[in-house]
Protein backbone atom coordinates (compact mmCIF):
# COMPACT_ATOMS: atom_id res chain seq x y z
CA MET A 1 82.79 129.69 141.43
CA LYS A 2 84.95 132.19 139.57
CA ILE A 3 88.13 130.55 140.86
CA ALA A 4 86.85 127.07 139.92
CA ALA A 5 85.87 128.30 136.45
CA PHE A 6 89.28 129.92 136.01
CA ILE A 7 91.03 126.68 137.01
CA LEU A 8 88.94 124.69 134.53
CA PHE A 9 89.78 127.25 131.84
CA ILE A 10 93.50 126.84 132.52
CA ILE A 11 93.25 123.02 132.48
CA TYR A 12 91.23 123.04 129.24
CA ASN A 13 93.70 125.30 127.46
CA SER A 14 96.69 123.32 128.69
CA ILE A 15 95.11 120.19 127.18
CA LEU A 16 94.65 121.97 123.86
CA VAL A 17 98.31 123.04 123.86
CA ALA A 18 99.59 119.60 124.83
CA THR A 19 97.40 117.61 122.44
CA PRO A 20 98.46 117.59 118.76
CA VAL A 21 95.68 118.82 116.50
CA ARG A 22 94.36 116.18 114.17
CA GLN A 23 94.16 117.17 110.54
CA ALA A 24 91.42 116.24 108.12
CA GLU A 25 92.11 114.21 105.01
CA LEU A 26 94.82 115.88 102.95
CA ARG A 27 94.91 115.82 99.17
CA ALA A 28 97.44 117.18 96.68
CA ALA A 29 97.61 117.07 92.89
CA THR A 30 100.75 116.19 90.97
CA GLU A 31 102.58 117.67 88.01
CA ALA A 32 103.01 116.00 84.61
CA PRO A 33 105.06 112.77 84.56
CA VAL A 34 108.74 112.74 83.59
CA LEU A 35 110.97 109.74 82.95
CA PHE A 36 112.94 108.61 85.98
CA ALA A 37 116.65 108.58 85.19
CA LYS A 38 117.39 105.10 86.49
CA PRO A 39 116.99 101.90 84.42
CA THR A 40 114.57 99.23 85.58
CA LEU A 41 115.93 96.34 83.56
CA LEU A 42 118.78 95.29 81.29
CA MET A 43 117.46 93.21 78.38
CA GLU A 44 120.04 91.09 76.58
CA ALA A 45 120.11 91.06 72.77
CA MET A 46 120.38 87.39 71.71
CA GLU A 47 120.78 85.25 68.64
CA GLU A 48 117.40 84.06 67.39
CA GLU A 49 118.03 80.45 68.42
CA GLU A 50 118.83 81.47 71.99
CA TYR A 51 115.78 83.75 72.11
CA ARG A 52 113.54 80.86 71.03
CA LYS A 53 115.07 78.57 73.60
CA LYS A 54 114.81 81.02 76.50
CA THR A 55 111.24 82.01 75.71
CA ALA A 56 109.88 78.55 74.85
CA GLN A 57 108.06 78.20 78.16
CA LEU A 58 106.84 81.81 78.17
CA SER A 59 105.35 81.41 74.71
CA ARG A 60 102.73 79.02 76.12
CA SER A 61 101.13 81.97 77.87
CA SER A 62 98.73 84.36 76.14
CA LEU A 63 100.52 87.17 77.98
CA PHE A 64 103.67 86.52 75.94
CA PRO A 65 103.07 86.82 72.19
CA SER A 66 106.33 85.43 70.81
CA ILE A 67 107.67 86.52 67.42
CA LYS A 68 105.72 84.82 64.62
CA ARG A 69 106.65 87.10 61.73
CA LYS A 70 109.78 89.19 61.40
CA PRO A 71 110.79 91.97 58.99
CA PRO A 72 112.23 90.66 55.70
CA VAL A 73 115.06 93.23 55.65
CA LEU A 74 117.01 91.98 58.66
CA THR A 75 120.80 91.79 58.47
CA ALA A 76 123.13 89.20 59.98
CA ASN A 77 123.53 91.56 62.97
CA ALA A 78 119.89 91.17 64.06
CA ARG A 79 119.47 90.27 67.72
CA TYR A 80 116.31 89.24 69.58
CA GLY A 81 114.91 89.91 73.01
CA SER A 82 111.84 90.39 75.21
CA GLY A 83 110.81 92.34 78.29
CA LEU A 84 108.89 95.30 76.86
CA ILE A 85 106.00 94.97 79.28
CA PHE A 86 102.98 97.25 79.30
CA ALA A 87 99.19 96.82 79.19
CA GLY A 88 99.62 93.30 80.55
CA LEU A 89 101.73 91.90 77.70
CA ASN A 90 105.40 90.96 77.54
CA ARG A 91 106.41 92.14 74.07
CA SER A 92 109.39 90.88 72.06
CA TRP A 93 111.70 92.92 69.87
CA ILE A 94 114.47 92.68 67.28
CA LEU A 95 117.48 95.01 67.32
CA ASP A 96 119.31 95.43 64.01
CA GLY A 97 122.22 97.53 62.81
CA ASP A 98 125.76 98.38 63.89
CA ALA A 99 127.75 101.23 65.41
CA LYS A 100 128.60 102.72 62.01
CA ARG A 101 125.17 102.62 60.30
CA GLY A 102 123.12 103.06 63.43
CA TYR A 103 120.49 100.83 65.07
CA VAL A 104 116.81 100.20 64.45
CA LEU A 105 114.35 98.48 66.78
CA TYR A 106 111.45 96.38 65.54
CA ALA A 107 109.15 95.96 68.54
CA ASP A 108 105.86 94.10 68.84
CA LEU A 109 104.07 97.24 69.97
CA ASN A 110 100.57 96.00 69.14
CA GLY A 111 101.22 92.65 70.85
CA ASN A 112 100.22 90.33 68.00
CA GLY A 113 103.55 88.58 67.43
CA ASP A 114 103.89 90.19 63.99
CA LEU A 115 106.83 92.60 63.71
CA THR A 116 106.01 93.54 60.11
CA ASP A 117 103.03 95.71 61.03
CA ASP A 118 104.78 97.87 63.64
CA PRO A 119 106.81 100.96 62.62
CA PRO A 120 110.59 100.60 63.04
CA LEU A 121 112.04 102.81 65.77
CA LYS A 122 115.41 104.46 65.19
CA PHE A 123 117.95 105.11 67.91
CA GLU A 124 119.28 108.66 68.14
CA ASP A 125 122.40 110.09 69.74
CA ARG A 126 121.58 111.84 73.01
CA ASP A 127 124.33 113.05 75.34
CA GLY A 128 126.80 110.57 73.89
CA LYS A 129 124.41 107.63 74.15
CA ARG A 130 122.09 105.99 71.65
CA SER A 131 118.50 105.87 72.83
CA LEU A 132 114.90 106.09 71.72
CA VAL A 133 111.69 107.17 73.45
CA TYR A 134 108.33 105.52 72.84
CA ARG A 135 105.06 107.05 74.02
CA THR A 136 101.61 105.51 73.85
CA ALA A 137 98.24 105.51 75.59
CA VAL A 138 96.79 102.47 77.33
CA LYS A 139 93.13 101.92 78.16
CA GLY A 140 92.39 101.85 81.88
CA GLY A 141 89.36 101.79 84.15
CA LYS A 142 89.18 105.60 84.25
CA GLY A 143 90.05 106.11 80.59
CA ASP A 144 93.33 106.17 78.71
CA TYR A 145 96.55 106.81 80.61
CA PRO A 146 100.00 107.66 79.20
CA VAL A 147 102.92 105.23 79.07
CA GLU A 148 106.42 106.44 78.28
CA ILE A 149 109.43 104.18 77.76
CA MET A 150 113.05 104.93 76.92
CA LEU A 151 115.48 102.33 75.59
CA GLU A 152 119.22 102.88 75.66
CA LEU A 153 121.92 100.83 73.94
CA THR A 154 124.48 99.50 76.37
CA SER A 155 126.82 96.60 77.07
CA ALA A 156 126.13 94.48 80.14
CA THR A 157 127.12 91.18 81.73
CA GLN A 158 123.97 89.26 82.61
CA PRO A 159 123.86 86.74 85.51
CA GLY A 160 125.52 83.51 84.42
CA ARG A 161 127.53 85.27 81.68
CA VAL A 162 131.29 85.82 81.78
CA ALA A 163 131.49 88.67 79.27
CA PRO A 164 129.37 91.73 78.47
CA LYS A 165 126.92 91.57 75.58
CA LEU A 166 124.89 94.10 73.63
CA SER A 167 121.80 94.94 75.70
CA LEU A 168 118.98 97.42 76.01
CA ALA A 169 118.59 99.41 79.23
CA LEU A 170 114.88 99.86 79.89
CA TYR A 171 113.62 103.04 81.52
CA ASP A 172 109.91 102.57 82.18
CA ARG A 173 109.40 104.44 85.44
CA THR A 174 107.96 107.94 85.55
CA LEU A 175 107.91 110.47 88.37
CA ARG A 176 105.05 112.83 89.20
CA THR A 177 105.82 115.42 91.87
CA GLY A 178 103.73 117.66 94.08
CA THR A 179 103.60 119.48 97.43
CA ILE A 180 101.33 118.62 100.36
CA ARG A 181 100.95 120.56 103.59
CA VAL A 182 101.18 118.27 106.60
CA GLY A 183 102.16 118.86 110.22
CA GLY A 184 102.31 122.62 109.67
CA ARG A 185 104.82 122.52 106.81
CA ASP A 186 104.92 122.00 103.07
CA VAL A 187 106.40 118.63 102.13
CA ARG A 188 107.56 117.91 98.60
CA PHE A 189 106.59 114.42 97.43
CA GLY A 190 106.93 112.28 94.33
CA LEU A 191 104.94 109.34 92.98
CA LEU A 192 107.14 106.86 91.17
CA GLY A 193 105.14 104.66 88.82
CA VAL A 194 105.90 101.84 86.42
CA ARG A 195 104.58 101.97 82.86
CA GLY A 196 101.98 104.60 83.71
CA LEU A 197 100.60 102.94 86.87
CA TYR A 198 101.46 104.24 90.32
CA ASN A 199 99.53 102.29 92.96
CA ASN A 200 100.67 98.72 92.30
CA GLU A 201 103.19 96.70 94.31
CA HIS A 202 106.14 98.18 92.39
CA GLY A 203 105.06 101.80 92.94
CA GLU A 204 106.97 104.04 95.33
CA ILE A 205 106.32 107.33 97.13
CA LEU A 206 109.14 109.78 97.75
CA PHE A 207 109.00 112.32 100.58
CA ASP A 208 111.55 115.11 101.00
CA VAL A 209 111.89 114.27 104.68
CA ASN A 210 114.91 116.48 105.41
CA GLY A 211 113.55 119.42 103.40
CA ASP A 212 116.64 119.85 101.24
CA GLY A 213 114.56 120.22 98.07
CA LYS A 214 115.51 116.87 96.52
CA PHE A 215 114.72 113.19 96.92
CA ASP A 216 117.35 110.74 98.14
CA THR A 217 116.87 107.82 95.75
CA HIS A 218 120.52 106.84 95.43
CA THR A 219 120.79 105.32 98.90
CA ARG A 220 119.37 101.81 99.02
CA ASN A 221 116.48 101.77 101.48
CA SER A 222 116.61 105.54 101.73
CA PRO A 223 114.52 107.10 104.55
CA GLU A 224 112.85 109.18 101.81
CA VAL A 225 111.59 106.22 99.74
CA TYR A 226 108.40 104.38 100.68
CA SER A 227 106.83 101.41 98.94
CA VAL A 228 103.11 101.69 98.18
CA SER A 229 102.69 98.43 100.11
CA GLU A 230 103.94 100.08 103.32
CA LYS A 231 100.56 101.89 103.60
CA TYR A 232 101.53 104.71 105.99
CA VAL A 233 104.05 107.44 106.80
CA ASN A 234 104.72 109.26 110.08
CA PHE A 235 104.92 113.04 110.32
CA GLY A 236 105.44 114.42 113.79
CA ASP A 237 102.98 112.92 116.27
CA PHE A 238 100.68 111.36 113.72
CA SER A 239 100.60 108.48 111.26
CA HIS A 240 99.01 109.01 107.87
CA GLU A 241 97.71 106.34 105.55
CA PHE A 242 98.68 107.23 101.99
CA ILE A 243 96.38 106.63 99.05
CA VAL A 244 97.88 106.90 95.58
CA ASP A 245 95.75 107.56 92.52
CA PRO A 246 96.22 104.66 90.04
CA TYR A 247 97.53 107.04 87.37
CA GLY A 248 99.54 109.18 89.76
CA GLN A 249 97.39 112.29 89.46
CA SER A 250 97.06 112.83 93.21
CA LEU A 251 98.13 111.76 96.69
CA ILE A 252 95.86 111.53 99.72
CA LEU A 253 97.11 111.42 103.32
CA ARG A 254 94.45 110.17 105.74
CA GLN A 255 95.32 110.64 109.40
CA LEU A 256 95.04 107.50 111.54
CA ALA A 257 93.55 107.44 115.02
CA ALA A 258 96.75 106.26 116.70
CA LYS A 259 100.40 106.69 115.82
CA LEU A 260 102.04 103.57 114.41
CA PRO A 261 105.69 102.61 115.02
CA ASP A 262 108.34 104.50 113.11
CA ARG A 263 109.91 102.28 110.48
CA ALA A 264 113.52 101.19 110.79
CA ILE A 265 116.21 103.30 109.15
CA LEU A 266 118.07 100.74 107.04
CA VAL A 267 121.20 102.70 106.16
CA SER A 268 124.71 102.15 107.47
CA GLY A 269 125.32 103.10 111.10
CA ASN A 270 121.75 102.46 112.26
CA PRO A 271 120.63 99.52 114.44
CA ALA A 272 119.37 96.53 112.47
CA PRO A 273 115.74 95.77 113.42
CA ASP A 274 115.57 92.65 115.56
CA PHE A 275 113.46 89.64 114.62
CA SER A 276 112.91 86.09 115.81
CA PHE A 277 112.53 82.99 113.67
CA THR A 278 112.44 79.23 113.74
CA ASP A 279 115.00 77.76 111.38
CA THR A 280 114.35 74.78 109.13
CA SER A 281 115.78 72.41 111.74
CA GLY A 282 113.19 73.60 114.28
CA GLN A 283 115.52 75.73 116.43
CA SER A 284 114.26 79.09 117.70
CA ARG A 285 116.61 82.02 117.11
CA ARG A 286 116.78 85.83 117.26
CA LEU A 287 118.99 88.16 115.30
CA SER A 288 120.13 89.77 118.56
CA ASP A 289 121.44 86.36 119.71
CA TYR A 290 124.28 86.89 117.20
CA ARG A 291 125.59 90.03 118.95
CA GLY A 292 129.40 89.93 118.89
CA LYS A 293 129.38 88.29 115.44
CA VAL A 294 129.33 89.78 111.96
CA VAL A 295 126.06 88.67 110.35
CA LEU A 296 125.08 88.58 106.70
CA LEU A 297 121.35 88.38 106.02
CA ASP A 298 120.83 86.51 102.74
CA PHE A 299 117.38 86.93 101.14
CA TRP A 300 117.10 84.34 98.38
CA GLY A 301 115.00 81.84 96.44
CA SER A 302 115.99 78.78 94.42
CA TRP A 303 113.79 80.12 91.59
CA CYS A 304 115.97 83.27 91.41
CA GLY A 305 118.67 83.07 88.72
CA PRO A 306 121.01 85.65 90.30
CA CYS A 307 120.63 83.85 93.67
CA ARG A 308 121.86 80.64 92.08
CA ALA A 309 124.79 82.49 90.50
CA GLU A 310 125.81 84.07 93.84
CA ALA A 311 125.49 80.90 95.95
CA PRO A 312 129.02 79.54 95.29
CA LYS A 313 130.54 82.91 96.26
CA LEU A 314 128.50 82.92 99.45
CA VAL A 315 129.64 79.42 100.36
CA SER A 316 133.27 80.38 99.67
CA ALA A 317 133.04 83.49 101.86
CA TYR A 318 131.43 81.50 104.70
CA ARG A 319 134.10 78.80 104.66
CA ARG A 320 136.85 81.41 104.63
CA LEU A 321 135.47 83.75 107.29
CA HIS A 322 133.22 81.71 109.60
CA ASP A 323 136.06 80.93 112.06
CA ARG A 324 136.80 84.66 112.20
CA GLY A 325 133.28 85.56 113.28
CA LEU A 326 131.09 85.60 110.16
CA GLU A 327 127.60 84.18 110.48
CA ILE A 328 124.95 83.99 107.76
CA ILE A 329 121.19 83.77 108.15
CA GLY A 330 119.32 82.64 105.05
CA ILE A 331 115.81 84.02 104.55
CA ASN A 332 114.19 81.98 101.80
CA GLY A 333 111.18 83.48 100.06
CA GLY A 334 108.62 81.57 98.04
CA ASP A 335 110.14 78.10 97.90
CA GLU A 336 108.48 74.87 98.88
CA GLU A 337 110.42 73.01 101.57
CA ILE A 338 111.63 70.36 99.14
CA ASP A 339 113.02 72.99 96.76
CA SER A 340 114.87 75.01 99.38
CA LYS A 341 116.30 71.87 100.97
CA SER A 342 117.44 70.55 97.59
CA PHE A 343 119.18 73.86 96.87
CA THR A 344 120.99 74.06 100.22
CA THR A 345 122.09 70.42 99.89
CA GLU A 346 123.31 70.92 96.32
CA HIS A 347 125.47 73.91 97.33
CA ALA A 348 126.57 72.49 100.72
CA ILE A 349 125.06 75.46 102.57
CA ALA A 350 125.68 75.01 106.27
CA TRP A 351 124.22 78.17 107.86
CA PRO A 352 120.72 78.45 109.40
CA GLN A 353 117.77 78.95 107.07
CA MET A 354 114.23 80.19 107.58
CA ARG A 355 111.39 80.10 105.06
CA GLU A 356 108.52 82.51 104.42
CA ASP A 357 106.33 83.55 101.52
CA VAL A 358 107.50 86.20 99.08
CA GLY A 359 106.76 89.49 100.82
CA GLY A 360 106.80 87.80 104.24
CA PRO A 361 107.29 89.59 107.59
CA VAL A 362 111.10 89.63 107.63
CA GLN A 363 111.26 90.79 104.01
CA LYS A 364 108.83 93.60 104.88
CA LEU A 365 110.88 94.52 107.94
CA PHE A 366 113.97 94.96 105.76
CA ARG A 367 111.96 96.30 102.80
CA VAL A 368 113.22 93.64 100.40
CA GLU A 369 111.70 94.19 96.94
CA SER A 370 113.83 91.80 94.88
CA PHE A 371 116.15 88.81 95.30
CA PRO A 372 118.92 88.35 96.10
CA ALA A 373 119.26 91.01 98.78
CA TYR A 374 121.95 91.23 101.44
CA TYR A 375 122.44 93.12 104.70
CA LEU A 376 125.77 93.06 106.54
CA ILE A 377 125.40 93.67 110.28
CA GLY A 378 128.34 94.49 112.54
CA ARG A 379 129.27 92.94 115.87
CA ASP A 380 127.44 95.73 117.71
CA GLY A 381 124.18 95.09 115.85
CA THR A 382 124.36 98.09 113.52
CA ILE A 383 124.04 97.93 109.76
CA VAL A 384 127.40 97.99 107.99
CA GLY A 385 126.10 97.65 104.44
CA ASN A 386 122.77 97.14 102.72
CA SER A 387 123.94 96.33 99.21
CA ILE A 388 126.88 94.05 99.95
CA LYS A 389 127.64 91.20 97.56
CA PRO A 390 129.11 87.82 98.58
CA GLY A 391 132.15 88.40 96.38
CA GLU A 392 132.91 91.61 98.28
CA LEU A 393 133.30 89.88 101.66
CA ILE A 394 136.93 89.99 102.72
CA GLY A 395 138.77 89.03 105.85
């Protein structure tokens, strides 16, 4: 009996050693939000006539209060724009001034279309650049939450333009950081929110995976950047569902019963995740069928202005390089069949196409958040580039 009991004791303890210990729900608070030093949007400053023309359709929506009254003191330099979005409204603005006298912004902060009852905001010189910071509080389900926005004067060439124009760089993302203990170690994390909200489809979670004390946000599709929509992260032998507080005040990691697959590493030198699809002609294909060829994955939509601007370059590159081994796979998102077919016919696009909804399976596999997006895959099936542009393709 003693020997049998001893053997059972050894077996029991070996199971405890071999089996990873499940952790309970983990929760960590975050620090105060700080502006994220990367612009979200470039908003072009336009003549009033062009502003009216471009926003004519938007103005039919109650979510876009177009400019109804403007300040009486505007100069001939006044330029108009939109894109200041918070609390559910797309707010317009007028930029006035010049490099010598300085610039003032009249923004529809209260969202009523009247720019005479909002205080003018003056740009200040900061680190050699002219910018302004606007802070406000927005009512939410759990009370007011802070929104912080920075605008910076710049010159940019918008899609479809041939020359740079005066624009405003919009910084409306804020970062809240914290530390959570998971898998026996402290992991630094960050919640990256947009206009004060952190758990919507545009929110991101940063994890200091390599423990170097900083977040890799400069590499497109960095292994340290997770979209809120991805739902889970793997640490060691366990998968954890992440739950983000709407206002970014905390992060919860809830351990799942079974480990889920590790996500693909979408940086250069790593294998491209394989996928199968049926193209618009009805032919079944797999990405791995193209081994030995150089493949460009083109994520696009006919509704996407930059996609339309890049299409001629893509066609030119294909015609020039197809005989030398370049293949393209088009992944269309969000178009009806008639619209995608009309677009490919108009631009004489000859490569295979597949269609799926915006946010479809292949887009999720390659973590595509905006269109157009391109992945260049080498002959051996590894990723060569994940931010390649059609105009950069050379022989």
